[in-house]
Amino acid sequence: MEVWKAAVLGIVQGITEFLPVSSSGHLILFERMLGAETGGADMFLGIMLHAGTLIAVLFAYAPRLREMLKHDRKKILYLIFGTIPAALVGVFLGDTVDRLFFGGDWLWLFFALTALLLLLCERRAKRARVLRPLSVKNSLAVGCAQALAVIPGLSRSGTTLAAGVFCGLEREEAADFSFLLSIPVITGAVLVECWKAFTNTGYVSSILWQSLLAGTLCAAVFGFLSLRLILRSVKKGKLYPFAVYLILLAAALAAIGFFC
């Protein structure tokens, strides 16, 4: 894969990872449009681009993580509970999900479902009268939503944010927990893919290290910028534009699939 194509995919990953529009779904679309050839290492490339956005969230949340380690260790426990569902899905159903959904045929449907979740989230947040604190119960609920979001087109950030709001969390706390919850999941996925690459060099032989580096760096930079954008959008309650975008994208993909 050419370095410039990897850089473009890194930019796409960075912009869409934290915006509630599904980074994995957009990566599939752009890989097709660019004609990016990964030699069967699509999953490894995607995870390495996620490593770039992991750097972004670690940098953005470094003060909050230090505070948690010193004064709010209970939240670390909640993160552990929230990570369990996605870890179980990754271990036992990961290959099945890849086989069924990474072809991209159902992207339009899951983009549309994400849009619906965002609309319902905004409606719920505006009507909520009683807010609940973060607990083991609602952290598990948000974790289950994150596990569902392994399906391309179903946004991880949008699904977990909506789940948090549905559980009664304050909107900003739901967003913070959603982004913090990405840290252990992405870290685990990166470690697994690196181990596969280490034990089977043919797994990644078709991708130049320069391409991986360019993609990861672009994902880190643009991921940090998109994270700042979505946090401001959440505070202002402006998730509707993302829902409208996803509805239009889903309609376009459905039309293309119908007429082609």
Protein backbone atom coordinates (compact mmCIF):
# COMPACT_ATOMS: atom_id res chain seq x y z
CA MET A 1 0.00 0.00 0.00
CA GLU A 2 1.29 3.44 -0.94
CA VAL A 3 2.24 5.78 1.88
CA TRP A 4 -0.20 8.49 0.77
CA LYS A 5 -3.12 6.07 0.80
CA ALA A 6 -2.23 4.99 4.33
CA ALA A 7 -2.04 8.65 5.34
CA VAL A 8 -5.51 9.31 3.91
CA LEU A 9 -6.89 6.31 5.78
CA GLY A 10 -5.21 7.59 8.94
CA ILE A 11 -6.90 10.96 8.52
CA VAL A 12 -10.26 9.23 7.98
CA GLN A 13 -9.69 7.07 11.07
CA GLY A 14 -8.68 10.06 13.18
CA ILE A 15 -11.67 12.17 12.15
CA THR A 16 -14.27 9.41 12.50
CA GLU A 17 -13.07 7.49 15.58
CA PHE A 18 -14.53 9.87 18.14
CA LEU A 19 -17.24 11.45 16.01
CA PRO A 20 -20.35 9.25 16.24
CA VAL A 21 -20.21 8.10 12.61
CA SER A 22 -18.29 4.75 12.76
CA SER A 23 -14.59 4.79 11.90
CA SER A 24 -14.57 1.13 10.80
CA GLY A 25 -17.43 1.75 8.39
CA HIS A 26 -15.69 4.77 6.88
CA LEU A 27 -12.39 2.89 6.59
CA ILE A 28 -14.10 0.18 4.54
CA LEU A 29 -15.60 2.82 2.25
CA PHE A 30 -12.33 4.67 1.73
CA GLU A 31 -10.31 1.50 1.22
CA ARG A 32 -12.66 0.69 -1.66
CA MET A 33 -12.58 4.19 -3.11
CA LEU A 34 -8.77 4.37 -2.95
CA GLY A 35 -8.29 0.83 -4.18
CA ALA A 36 -6.08 0.23 -1.15
CA GLU A 37 -4.51 -3.23 -1.34
CA THR A 38 -3.60 -4.70 2.04
CA GLY A 39 -2.89 -8.26 0.97
CA GLY A 40 -5.33 -9.67 3.51
CA ALA A 41 -4.04 -7.52 6.39
CA ASP A 42 -7.09 -5.25 6.57
CA MET A 43 -7.63 -6.00 10.25
CA PHE A 44 -4.00 -5.32 11.17
CA LEU A 45 -4.02 -2.00 9.30
CA GLY A 46 -7.28 -0.97 10.95
CA ILE A 47 -5.99 -1.78 14.43
CA MET A 48 -2.75 0.11 13.85
CA LEU A 49 -4.76 3.15 12.78
CA HIS A 50 -6.76 2.70 15.97
CA ALA A 51 -3.44 2.79 17.82
CA GLY A 52 -3.05 6.33 16.52
CA THR A 53 -6.39 7.36 17.98
CA LEU A 54 -5.42 5.60 21.20
CA ILE A 55 -2.46 7.98 21.41
CA ALA A 56 -4.87 10.89 20.89
CA VAL A 57 -7.26 9.88 23.68
CA LEU A 58 -4.37 9.16 26.08
CA PHE A 59 -2.94 12.60 25.41
CA ALA A 60 -6.31 14.34 25.74
CA TYR A 61 -7.30 12.48 28.90
CA ALA A 62 -3.88 12.31 30.60
CA PRO A 63 -4.90 14.72 33.43
CA ARG A 64 -8.16 12.82 33.99
CA LEU A 65 -6.34 9.48 34.06
CA ARG A 66 -3.86 10.77 36.64
CA GLU A 67 -6.75 12.02 38.76
CA MET A 68 -8.47 8.64 38.53
CA LEU A 69 -5.35 6.79 39.62
CA LYS A 70 -4.94 9.05 42.64
CA HIS A 71 -8.47 9.90 43.77
CA ASP A 72 -11.10 8.05 41.72
CA ARG A 73 -10.06 4.41 41.56
CA LYS A 74 -13.69 3.32 41.62
CA LYS A 75 -14.02 4.61 38.06
CA ILE A 76 -11.17 2.33 37.02
CA LEU A 77 -13.26 -0.56 38.33
CA TYR A 78 -16.18 0.65 36.24
CA LEU A 79 -13.92 0.74 33.18
CA ILE A 80 -12.91 -2.85 33.83
CA PHE A 81 -16.54 -3.96 34.05
CA GLY A 82 -17.39 -1.94 30.93
CA THR A 83 -14.59 -3.62 28.98
CA ILE A 84 -15.64 -7.21 29.72
CA PRO A 85 -18.47 -7.51 27.12
CA ALA A 86 -16.32 -6.25 24.22
CA ALA A 87 -13.45 -8.51 25.30
CA LEU A 88 -15.74 -11.56 25.30
CA VAL A 89 -17.15 -10.68 21.88
CA GLY A 90 -13.66 -10.15 20.50
CA VAL A 91 -12.42 -13.52 21.78
CA PHE A 92 -15.42 -15.69 20.93
CA LEU A 93 -17.16 -13.91 18.04
CA GLY A 94 -14.46 -11.75 16.44
CA ASP A 95 -13.88 -13.99 13.41
CA THR A 96 -17.62 -14.41 12.85
CA VAL A 97 -18.20 -10.65 12.90
CA ASP A 98 -15.33 -10.12 10.45
CA ARG A 99 -16.72 -12.72 8.08
CA LEU A 100 -20.30 -11.45 8.17
CA PHE A 101 -19.93 -7.67 8.25
CA PHE A 102 -16.50 -6.50 7.06
CA GLY A 103 -17.47 -6.97 3.44
CA GLY A 104 -19.40 -3.71 3.66
CA ASP A 105 -22.73 -4.96 2.27
CA TRP A 106 -24.64 -3.90 5.38
CA LEU A 107 -22.96 -0.58 6.05
CA TRP A 108 -26.03 1.40 4.99
CA LEU A 109 -28.19 -0.37 7.56
CA PHE A 110 -25.84 0.17 10.49
CA PHE A 111 -25.13 3.78 9.52
CA ALA A 112 -28.90 4.31 9.64
CA LEU A 113 -29.15 2.55 13.02
CA THR A 114 -26.42 4.80 14.40
CA ALA A 115 -28.34 7.86 13.18
CA LEU A 116 -31.47 6.59 14.93
CA LEU A 117 -29.54 6.05 18.17
CA LEU A 118 -28.18 9.61 18.04
CA LEU A 119 -31.66 11.06 17.52
CA LEU A 120 -33.05 9.01 20.40
CA CYS A 121 -30.08 10.01 22.55
CA GLU A 122 -30.73 13.72 22.00
CA ARG A 123 -34.43 13.28 22.73
CA ARG A 124 -33.70 11.33 25.92
CA ALA A 125 -31.08 13.84 27.13
CA LYS A 126 -33.49 16.76 26.73
CA ARG A 127 -36.34 14.99 28.53
CA ALA A 128 -34.31 13.43 31.35
CA ARG A 129 -35.37 14.65 34.77
CA VAL A 130 -33.53 12.23 37.08
CA LEU A 131 -29.81 11.65 36.52
CA ARG A 132 -28.01 8.64 37.94
CA PRO A 133 -24.36 8.27 38.94
CA LEU A 134 -22.03 5.86 37.19
CA SER A 135 -22.28 2.37 38.69
CA VAL A 136 -21.35 -1.23 37.96
CA LYS A 137 -24.80 -1.79 36.43
CA ASN A 138 -24.76 1.06 33.94
CA SER A 139 -21.04 0.58 33.16
CA LEU A 140 -21.89 -2.98 32.10
CA ALA A 141 -24.78 -1.66 30.01
CA VAL A 142 -22.48 0.78 28.23
CA GLY A 143 -19.96 -2.03 27.82
CA CYS A 144 -22.58 -4.21 26.12
CA ALA A 145 -23.30 -1.33 23.73
CA GLN A 146 -19.59 -1.13 22.96
CA ALA A 147 -19.54 -4.86 22.24
CA LEU A 148 -22.33 -4.42 19.67
CA ALA A 149 -20.35 -1.66 18.01
CA VAL A 150 -17.74 -4.09 16.69
CA ILE A 151 -20.06 -4.21 13.66
CA PRO A 152 -18.83 -1.74 10.99
CA GLY A 153 -21.23 1.14 10.53
CA LEU A 154 -22.44 1.00 14.14
CA SER A 155 -20.48 3.81 15.79
CA ARG A 156 -18.68 2.85 19.00
CA SER A 157 -18.70 6.39 20.38
CA GLY A 158 -22.31 7.01 19.31
CA THR A 159 -23.58 3.70 20.65
CA THR A 160 -21.83 3.97 24.02
CA LEU A 161 -22.81 7.62 24.41
CA ALA A 162 -26.45 6.77 23.71
CA ALA A 163 -26.33 3.83 26.11
CA GLY A 164 -24.94 6.05 28.85
CA VAL A 165 -27.67 8.63 28.35
CA PHE A 166 -30.38 5.93 28.27
CA CYS A 167 -29.01 4.62 31.59
CA GLY A 168 -29.53 8.05 33.12
CA LEU A 169 -25.98 9.40 33.03
CA GLU A 170 -25.44 13.11 32.53
CA ARG A 171 -24.53 13.75 28.91
CA GLU A 172 -20.94 14.89 29.52
CA GLU A 173 -20.24 12.05 31.95
CA ALA A 174 -21.56 9.57 29.38
CA ALA A 175 -19.21 11.04 26.77
CA ASP A 176 -16.20 10.93 29.10
CA PHE A 177 -16.89 7.32 30.04
CA SER A 178 -17.36 6.41 26.39
CA PHE A 179 -13.97 7.79 25.39
CA LEU A 180 -12.19 6.40 28.44
CA LEU A 181 -13.74 3.01 27.68
CA SER A 182 -12.01 3.03 24.30
CA ILE A 183 -8.57 2.90 25.96
CA PRO A 184 -8.55 -0.71 27.29
CA VAL A 185 -10.43 -2.06 24.26
CA ILE A 186 -8.10 -0.51 21.68
CA THR A 187 -5.04 -1.40 23.76
CA GLY A 188 -6.11 -5.03 23.92
CA ALA A 189 -6.82 -5.17 20.17
CA VAL A 190 -3.43 -3.59 19.36
CA LEU A 191 -1.60 -6.11 21.55
CA VAL A 192 -3.43 -9.04 19.95
CA GLU A 193 -2.71 -7.85 16.39
CA CYS A 194 0.94 -7.14 17.22
CA TRP A 195 1.27 -10.67 18.60
CA LYS A 196 -0.22 -12.09 15.40
CA ALA A 197 2.24 -10.05 13.34
CA PHE A 198 5.15 -11.17 15.53
CA THR A 199 4.29 -14.86 15.28
CA ASN A 200 3.43 -14.73 11.57
CA THR A 201 5.43 -12.19 9.57
CA GLY A 202 3.51 -13.06 6.41
CA TYR A 203 0.43 -11.58 8.08
CA VAL A 204 1.69 -8.04 7.46
CA SER A 205 4.31 -8.49 4.77
CA SER A 206 2.26 -6.60 2.16
CA ILE A 207 2.17 -3.34 4.18
CA LEU A 208 5.24 -1.10 4.30
CA TRP A 209 6.32 0.12 7.74
CA GLN A 210 6.41 3.65 6.28
CA SER A 211 2.73 3.32 5.41
CA LEU A 212 1.87 2.09 8.89
CA LEU A 213 3.81 4.96 10.46
CA ALA A 214 2.19 7.60 8.24
CA GLY A 215 -1.29 6.24 8.87
CA THR A 216 -0.79 5.99 12.63
CA LEU A 217 0.60 9.52 12.95
CA CYS A 218 -2.23 11.01 10.88
CA ALA A 219 -4.78 9.10 12.96
CA ALA A 220 -3.23 10.47 16.17
CA VAL A 221 -3.23 14.11 15.05
CA PHE A 222 -6.70 14.15 13.51
CA GLY A 223 -8.06 11.97 16.29
CA PHE A 224 -7.07 14.57 18.87
CA LEU A 225 -8.78 17.31 16.84
CA SER A 226 -11.99 15.31 16.36
CA LEU A 227 -12.08 14.43 20.06
CA ARG A 228 -12.05 18.12 20.95
CA LEU A 229 -14.84 18.74 18.41
CA ILE A 230 -17.15 16.00 19.67
CA LEU A 231 -16.71 17.04 23.31
CA ARG A 232 -17.85 20.55 22.41
CA SER A 233 -20.77 19.13 20.40
CA VAL A 234 -21.87 16.97 23.33
CA LYS A 235 -21.77 19.93 25.72
CA LYS A 236 -23.90 21.99 23.35
CA GLY A 237 -26.25 19.10 22.59
CA LYS A 238 -25.54 19.15 18.88
CA LEU A 239 -25.60 15.55 17.73
CA TYR A 240 -28.30 16.11 15.09
CA PRO A 241 -25.85 17.08 12.30
CA PHE A 242 -24.10 13.72 12.67
CA ALA A 243 -27.44 11.92 12.49
CA VAL A 244 -28.43 13.80 9.34
CA TYR A 245 -25.06 13.02 7.74
CA LEU A 246 -25.44 9.31 8.50
CA ILE A 247 -29.00 9.20 7.15
CA LEU A 248 -27.85 10.77 3.87
CA LEU A 249 -24.86 8.43 3.67
CA ALA A 250 -27.01 5.38 4.39
CA ALA A 251 -29.53 6.43 1.74
CA ALA A 252 -26.75 6.93 -0.84
CA LEU A 253 -25.19 3.53 -0.10
CA ALA A 254 -28.57 1.80 -0.21
CA ALA A 255 -29.35 3.46 -3.55
CA ILE A 256 -25.98 2.47 -4.99
CA GLY A 257 -26.50 -1.12 -3.85
CA PHE A 258 -30.01 -1.18 -5.33
CA PHE A 259 -29.19 0.28 -8.73
CA CYS A 260 -25.77 -1.35 -9.26
